[in-house]
Amino acid sequence: MARGNQRDKAREANQKKMADQKKANSMSGSEMQREKEKVAQKMREKQAAADAKKAAEGGAANKK
């Protein structure tokens, strides 16, 4: 009977350890910086596209 409890405790400890590993950051500082820059550039492009679309719609509404 004691073995079952030991197995359960070991399983709980292993699950906690695996969860901590998933949370850990696996990127180095330079890799993280490159990723941030890439995401920021995508957001700038999306914002520029949205601004262009808004300006085009505004221009079309003014022509009517």
PDB file of N, CA and C in Angstrom:
ATOM      1  N   MET A   1       0.814  -1.189   0.000  1.00  0.00           N
ATOM      2  CA  MET A   1       0.000   0.000   0.000  1.00  0.00           C
ATOM      3  C   MET A   1       0.863   1.262   0.000  1.00  0.00           C
ATOM      4  N   ALA A   2       1.981   1.242   0.660  1.00  0.00           N
ATOM      5  CA  ALA A   2       2.828   2.422   0.725  1.00  0.00           C
ATOM      6  C   ALA A   2       3.375   2.757  -0.660  1.00  0.00           C
ATOM      7  N   ARG A   3       3.566   1.752  -1.477  1.00  0.00           N
ATOM      8  CA  ARG A   3       4.126   1.982  -2.810  1.00  0.00           C
ATOM      9  C   ARG A   3       3.190   2.842  -3.661  1.00  0.00           C
ATOM     10  N   GLY A   4       1.902   2.658  -3.557  1.00  0.00           N
ATOM     11  CA  GLY A   4       0.941   3.440  -4.318  1.00  0.00           C
ATOM     12  C   GLY A   4       1.028   4.916  -3.960  1.00  0.00           C
ATOM     13  N   ASN A   5       1.156   5.213  -2.685  1.00  0.00           N
ATOM     14  CA  ASN A   5       1.279   6.597  -2.238  1.00  0.00           C
ATOM     15  C   ASN A   5       2.571   7.210  -2.761  1.00  0.00           C
ATOM     16  N   GLN A   6       3.637   6.437  -2.741  1.00  0.00           N
ATOM     17  CA  GLN A   6       4.928   6.929  -3.224  1.00  0.00           C
ATOM     18  C   GLN A   6       4.832   7.237  -4.724  1.00  0.00           C
ATOM     19  N   ARG A   7       4.154   6.389  -5.456  1.00  0.00           N
ATOM     20  CA  ARG A   7       3.980   6.582  -6.889  1.00  0.00           C
ATOM     21  C   ARG A   7       3.178   7.862  -7.162  1.00  0.00           C
ATOM     22  N   ASP A   8       2.130   8.066  -6.384  1.00  0.00           N
ATOM     23  CA  ASP A   8       1.317   9.275  -6.551  1.00  0.00           C
ATOM     24  C   ASP A   8       2.127  10.529  -6.259  1.00  0.00           C
ATOM     25  N   LYS A   9       2.905  10.498  -5.198  1.00  0.00           N
ATOM     26  CA  LYS A   9       3.733  11.649  -4.850  1.00  0.00           C
ATOM     27  C   LYS A   9       4.765  11.933  -5.947  1.00  0.00           C
ATOM     28  N   ALA A  10       5.366  10.882  -6.485  1.00  0.00           N
ATOM     29  CA  ALA A  10       6.354  11.048  -7.551  1.00  0.00           C
ATOM     30  C   ALA A  10       5.686  11.615  -8.802  1.00  0.00           C
ATOM     31  N   ARG A  11       4.487  11.168  -9.111  1.00  0.00           N
ATOM     32  CA  ARG A  11       3.755  11.669 -10.275  1.00  0.00           C
ATOM     33  C   ARG A  11       3.438  13.158 -10.102  1.00  0.00           C
ATOM     34  N   GLU A  12       2.987  13.552  -8.915  1.00  0.00           N
ATOM     35  CA  GLU A  12       2.684  14.962  -8.652  1.00  0.00           C
ATOM     36  C   GLU A  12       3.942  15.827  -8.790  1.00  0.00           C
ATOM     37  N   ALA A  13       5.045  15.339  -8.243  1.00  0.00           N
ATOM     38  CA  ALA A  13       6.296  16.091  -8.321  1.00  0.00           C
ATOM     39  C   ALA A  13       6.740  16.233  -9.770  1.00  0.00           C
ATOM     40  N   ASN A  14       6.599  15.173 -10.552  1.00  0.00           N
ATOM     41  CA  ASN A  14       6.999  15.213 -11.957  1.00  0.00           C
ATOM     42  C   ASN A  14       6.109  16.163 -12.754  1.00  0.00           C
ATOM     43  N   GLN A  15       4.816  16.176 -12.482  1.00  0.00           N
ATOM     44  CA  GLN A  15       3.915  17.089 -13.180  1.00  0.00           C
ATOM     45  C   GLN A  15       4.262  18.541 -12.875  1.00  0.00           C
ATOM     46  N   LYS A  16       4.594  18.815 -11.626  1.00  0.00           N
ATOM     47  CA  LYS A  16       4.973  20.169 -11.244  1.00  0.00           C
ATOM     48  C   LYS A  16       6.264  20.578 -11.952  1.00  0.00           C
ATOM     49  N   LYS A  17       7.220  19.670 -12.019  1.00  0.00           N
ATOM     50  CA  LYS A  17       8.490  19.952 -12.672  1.00  0.00           C
ATOM     51  C   LYS A  17       8.281  20.209 -14.166  1.00  0.00           C
ATOM     52  N   MET A  18       7.443  19.425 -14.814  1.00  0.00           N
ATOM     53  CA  MET A  18       7.167  19.596 -16.231  1.00  0.00           C
ATOM     54  C   MET A  18       6.440  20.923 -16.494  1.00  0.00           C
ATOM     55  N   ALA A  19       5.528  21.312 -15.614  1.00  0.00           N
ATOM     56  CA  ALA A  19       4.820  22.581 -15.764  1.00  0.00           C
ATOM     57  C   ALA A  19       5.788  23.744 -15.629  1.00  0.00           C
ATOM     58  N   ASP A  20       6.736  23.654 -14.717  1.00  0.00           N
ATOM     59  CA  ASP A  20       7.730  24.709 -14.548  1.00  0.00           C
ATOM     60  C   ASP A  20       8.614  24.830 -15.786  1.00  0.00           C
ATOM     61  N   GLN A  21       8.929  23.698 -16.403  1.00  0.00           N
ATOM     62  CA  GLN A  21       9.752  23.724 -17.611  1.00  0.00           C
ATOM     63  C   GLN A  21       9.007  24.380 -18.766  1.00  0.00           C
ATOM     64  N   LYS A  22       7.700  24.157 -18.866  1.00  0.00           N
ATOM     65  CA  LYS A  22       6.922  24.765 -19.935  1.00  0.00           C
ATOM     66  C   LYS A  22       6.872  26.274 -19.774  1.00  0.00           C
ATOM     67  N   LYS A  23       6.827  26.749 -18.526  1.00  0.00           N
ATOM     68  CA  LYS A  23       6.760  28.181 -18.276  1.00  0.00           C
ATOM     69  C   LYS A  23       8.096  28.864 -18.526  1.00  0.00           C
ATOM     70  N   ALA A  24       9.173  28.134 -18.398  1.00  0.00           N
ATOM     71  CA  ALA A  24      10.506  28.724 -18.510  1.00  0.00           C
ATOM     72  C   ALA A  24      10.729  29.285 -19.910  1.00  0.00           C
ATOM     73  N   ASN A  25      11.428  30.391 -19.981  1.00  0.00           N
ATOM     74  CA  ASN A  25      11.744  31.018 -21.254  1.00  0.00           C
ATOM     75  C   ASN A  25      12.931  30.286 -21.871  1.00  0.00           C
ATOM     76  N   SER A  26      12.758  29.809 -23.089  1.00  0.00           N
ATOM     77  CA  SER A  26      13.827  29.041 -23.721  1.00  0.00           C
ATOM     78  C   SER A  26      14.648  29.874 -24.693  1.00  0.00           C
ATOM     79  N   MET A  27      14.324  31.157 -24.846  1.00  0.00           N
ATOM     80  CA  MET A  27      15.053  32.010 -25.782  1.00  0.00           C
ATOM     81  C   MET A  27      16.153  32.792 -25.068  1.00  0.00           C
ATOM     82  N   SER A  28      17.223  33.023 -25.794  1.00  0.00           N
ATOM     83  CA  SER A  28      18.268  33.877 -25.254  1.00  0.00           C
ATOM     84  C   SER A  28      17.838  35.324 -25.421  1.00  0.00           C
ATOM     85  N   GLY A  29      18.592  36.236 -24.871  1.00  0.00           N
ATOM     86  CA  GLY A  29      18.243  37.647 -24.945  1.00  0.00           C
ATOM     87  C   GLY A  29      18.192  38.179 -26.364  1.00  0.00           C
ATOM     88  N   SER A  30      19.169  37.810 -27.179  1.00  0.00           N
ATOM     89  CA  SER A  30      19.184  38.311 -28.558  1.00  0.00           C
ATOM     90  C   SER A  30      18.059  37.691 -29.378  1.00  0.00           C
ATOM     91  N   GLU A  31      17.752  36.422 -29.131  1.00  0.00           N
ATOM     92  CA  GLU A  31      16.640  35.777 -29.833  1.00  0.00           C
ATOM     93  C   GLU A  31      15.319  36.446 -29.461  1.00  0.00           C
ATOM     94  N   MET A  32      15.153  36.754 -28.193  1.00  0.00           N
ATOM     95  CA  MET A  32      13.922  37.399 -27.746  1.00  0.00           C
ATOM     96  C   MET A  32      13.806  38.788 -28.361  1.00  0.00           C
ATOM     97  N   GLN A  33      14.911  39.514 -28.429  1.00  0.00           N
ATOM     98  CA  GLN A  33      14.894  40.854 -29.022  1.00  0.00           C
ATOM     99  C   GLN A  33      14.516  40.784 -30.496  1.00  0.00           C
ATOM    100  N   ARG A  34      15.086  39.821 -31.241  1.00  0.00           N
ATOM    101  CA  ARG A  34      14.732  39.663 -32.658  1.00  0.00           C
ATOM    102  C   ARG A  34      13.251  39.344 -32.811  1.00  0.00           C
ATOM    103  N   GLU A  35      12.729  38.488 -31.948  1.00  0.00           N
ATOM    104  CA  GLU A  35      11.313  38.123 -32.005  1.00  0.00           C
ATOM    105  C   GLU A  35      10.433  39.341 -31.722  1.00  0.00           C
ATOM    106  N   LYS A  36      10.804  40.140 -30.736  1.00  0.00           N
ATOM    107  CA  LYS A  36      10.041  41.350 -30.418  1.00  0.00           C
ATOM    108  C   LYS A  36      10.044  42.313 -31.601  1.00  0.00           C
ATOM    109  N   GLU A  37      11.209  42.462 -32.244  1.00  0.00           N
ATOM    110  CA  GLU A  37      11.305  43.345 -33.400  1.00  0.00           C
ATOM    111  C   GLU A  37      10.445  42.845 -34.552  1.00  0.00           C
ATOM    112  N   LYS A  38      10.435  41.541 -34.762  1.00  0.00           N
ATOM    113  CA  LYS A  38       9.644  40.961 -35.842  1.00  0.00           C
ATOM    114  C   LYS A  38       8.154  41.192 -35.603  1.00  0.00           C
ATOM    115  N   VAL A  39       7.706  40.987 -34.373  1.00  0.00           N
ATOM    116  CA  VAL A  39       6.299  41.194 -34.028  1.00  0.00           C
ATOM    117  C   VAL A  39       5.944  42.670 -34.142  1.00  0.00           C
ATOM    118  N   ALA A  40       6.831  43.542 -33.692  1.00  0.00           N
ATOM    119  CA  ALA A  40       6.580  44.980 -33.773  1.00  0.00           C
ATOM    120  C   ALA A  40       6.467  45.420 -35.233  1.00  0.00           C
ATOM    121  N   GLN A  41       7.309  44.879 -36.101  1.00  0.00           N
ATOM    122  CA  GLN A  41       7.254  45.230 -37.518  1.00  0.00           C
ATOM    123  C   GLN A  41       5.936  44.780 -38.137  1.00  0.00           C
ATOM    124  N   LYS A  42       5.466  43.593 -37.783  1.00  0.00           N
ATOM    125  CA  LYS A  42       4.182  43.113 -38.286  1.00  0.00           C
ATOM    126  C   LYS A  42       3.056  44.040 -37.846  1.00  0.00           C
ATOM    127  N   MET A  43       3.109  44.469 -36.588  1.00  0.00           N
ATOM    128  CA  MET A  43       2.062  45.356 -36.080  1.00  0.00           C
ATOM    129  C   MET A  43       2.108  46.707 -36.782  1.00  0.00           C
ATOM    130  N   ARG A  44       3.306  47.221 -37.073  1.00  0.00           N
ATOM    131  CA  ARG A  44       3.420  48.483 -37.807  1.00  0.00           C
ATOM    132  C   ARG A  44       2.813  48.355 -39.204  1.00  0.00           C
ATOM    133  N   GLU A  45       3.073  47.206 -39.857  1.00  0.00           N
ATOM    134  CA  GLU A  45       2.526  46.981 -41.199  1.00  0.00           C
ATOM    135  C   GLU A  45       1.002  46.900 -41.157  1.00  0.00           C
ATOM    136  N   LYS A  46       0.477  46.209 -40.154  1.00  0.00           N
ATOM    137  CA  LYS A  46      -0.973  46.100 -40.019  1.00  0.00           C
ATOM    138  C   LYS A  46      -1.592  47.471 -39.768  1.00  0.00           C
ATOM    139  N   GLN A  47      -0.951  48.270 -38.928  1.00  0.00           N
ATOM    140  CA  GLN A  47      -1.470  49.599 -38.629  1.00  0.00           C
ATOM    141  C   GLN A  47      -1.424  50.489 -39.867  1.00  0.00           C
ATOM    142  N   ALA A  48      -0.352  50.395 -40.638  1.00  0.00           N
ATOM    143  CA  ALA A  48      -0.247  51.193 -41.860  1.00  0.00           C
ATOM    144  C   ALA A  48      -1.336  50.786 -42.852  1.00  0.00           C
ATOM    145  N   ALA A  49      -1.580  49.490 -42.973  1.00  0.00           N
ATOM    146  CA  ALA A  49      -2.629  49.012 -43.872  1.00  0.00           C
ATOM    147  C   ALA A  49      -4.001  49.502 -43.406  1.00  0.00           C
ATOM    148  N   ALA A  50      -4.247  49.466 -42.109  1.00  0.00           N
ATOM    149  CA  ALA A  50      -5.521  49.937 -41.577  1.00  0.00           C
ATOM    150  C   ALA A  50      -5.682  51.432 -41.803  1.00  0.00           C
ATOM    151  N   ASP A  51      -4.607  52.194 -41.616  1.00  0.00           N
ATOM    152  CA  ASP A  51      -4.666  53.635 -41.851  1.00  0.00           C
ATOM    153  C   ASP A  51      -4.929  53.939 -43.327  1.00  0.00           C
ATOM    154  N   ALA A  52      -4.293  53.188 -44.207  1.00  0.00           N
ATOM    155  CA  ALA A  52      -4.496  53.389 -45.641  1.00  0.00           C
ATOM    156  C   ALA A  52      -5.938  53.070 -46.027  1.00  0.00           C
ATOM    157  N   LYS A  53      -6.468  52.002 -45.471  1.00  0.00           N
ATOM    158  CA  LYS A  53      -7.851  51.619 -45.763  1.00  0.00           C
ATOM    159  C   LYS A  53      -8.818  52.693 -45.260  1.00  0.00           C
ATOM    160  N   LYS A  54      -8.549  53.186 -44.054  1.00  0.00           N
ATOM    161  CA  LYS A  54      -9.410  54.219 -43.480  1.00  0.00           C
ATOM    162  C   LYS A  54      -9.342  55.493 -44.328  1.00  0.00           C
ATOM    163  N   ALA A  55      -8.151  55.841 -44.789  1.00  0.00           N
ATOM    164  CA  ALA A  55      -7.999  57.035 -45.617  1.00  0.00           C
ATOM    165  C   ALA A  55      -8.714  56.849 -46.958  1.00  0.00           C
ATOM    166  N   ALA A  56      -8.626  55.665 -47.521  1.00  0.00           N
ATOM    167  CA  ALA A  56      -9.301  55.392 -48.795  1.00  0.00           C
ATOM    168  C   ALA A  56     -10.807  55.459 -48.623  1.00  0.00           C
ATOM    169  N   GLU A  57     -11.330  54.932 -47.552  1.00  0.00           N
ATOM    170  CA  GLU A  57     -12.768  54.973 -47.305  1.00  0.00           C
ATOM    171  C   GLU A  57     -13.210  56.406 -47.035  1.00  0.00           C
ATOM    172  N   GLY A  58     -12.400  57.150 -46.315  1.00  0.00           N
ATOM    173  CA  GLY A  58     -12.718  58.545 -46.052  1.00  0.00           C
ATOM    174  C   GLY A  58     -12.710  59.368 -47.332  1.00  0.00           C
ATOM    175  N   GLY A  59     -11.781  59.099 -48.208  1.00  0.00           N
ATOM    176  CA  GLY A  59     -11.697  59.797 -49.483  1.00  0.00           C
ATOM    177  C   GLY A  59     -12.873  59.474 -50.361  1.00  0.00           C
ATOM    178  N   ALA A  60     -13.306  58.237 -50.359  1.00  0.00           N
ATOM    179  CA  ALA A  60     -14.448  57.825 -51.175  1.00  0.00           C
ATOM    180  C   ALA A  60     -15.730  58.461 -50.638  1.00  0.00           C
ATOM    181  N   ALA A  61     -15.856  58.584 -49.337  1.00  0.00           N
ATOM    182  CA  ALA A  61     -17.053  59.185 -48.760  1.00  0.00           C
ATOM    183  C   ALA A  61     -17.112  60.682 -49.067  1.00  0.00           C
ATOM    184  N   ASN A  62     -15.965  61.335 -49.124  1.00  0.00           N
ATOM    185  CA  ASN A  62     -15.934  62.766 -49.408  1.00  0.00           C
ATOM    186  C   ASN A  62     -16.286  63.065 -50.870  1.00  0.00           C
ATOM    187  N   LYS A  63     -16.025  62.114 -51.784  1.00  0.00           N
ATOM    188  CA  LYS A  63     -16.306  62.322 -53.195  1.00  0.00           C
ATOM    189  C   LYS A  63     -17.807  62.273 -53.507  1.00  0.00           C
ATOM    190  N   LYS A  64     -18.576  61.613 -52.690  1.00  0.00           N
ATOM    191  CA  LYS A  64     -20.019  61.459 -52.951  1.00  0.00           C
ATOM    192  C   LYS A  64     -20.761  62.719 -52.828  1.00  0.00           C
TER     193      LYS A  64
END
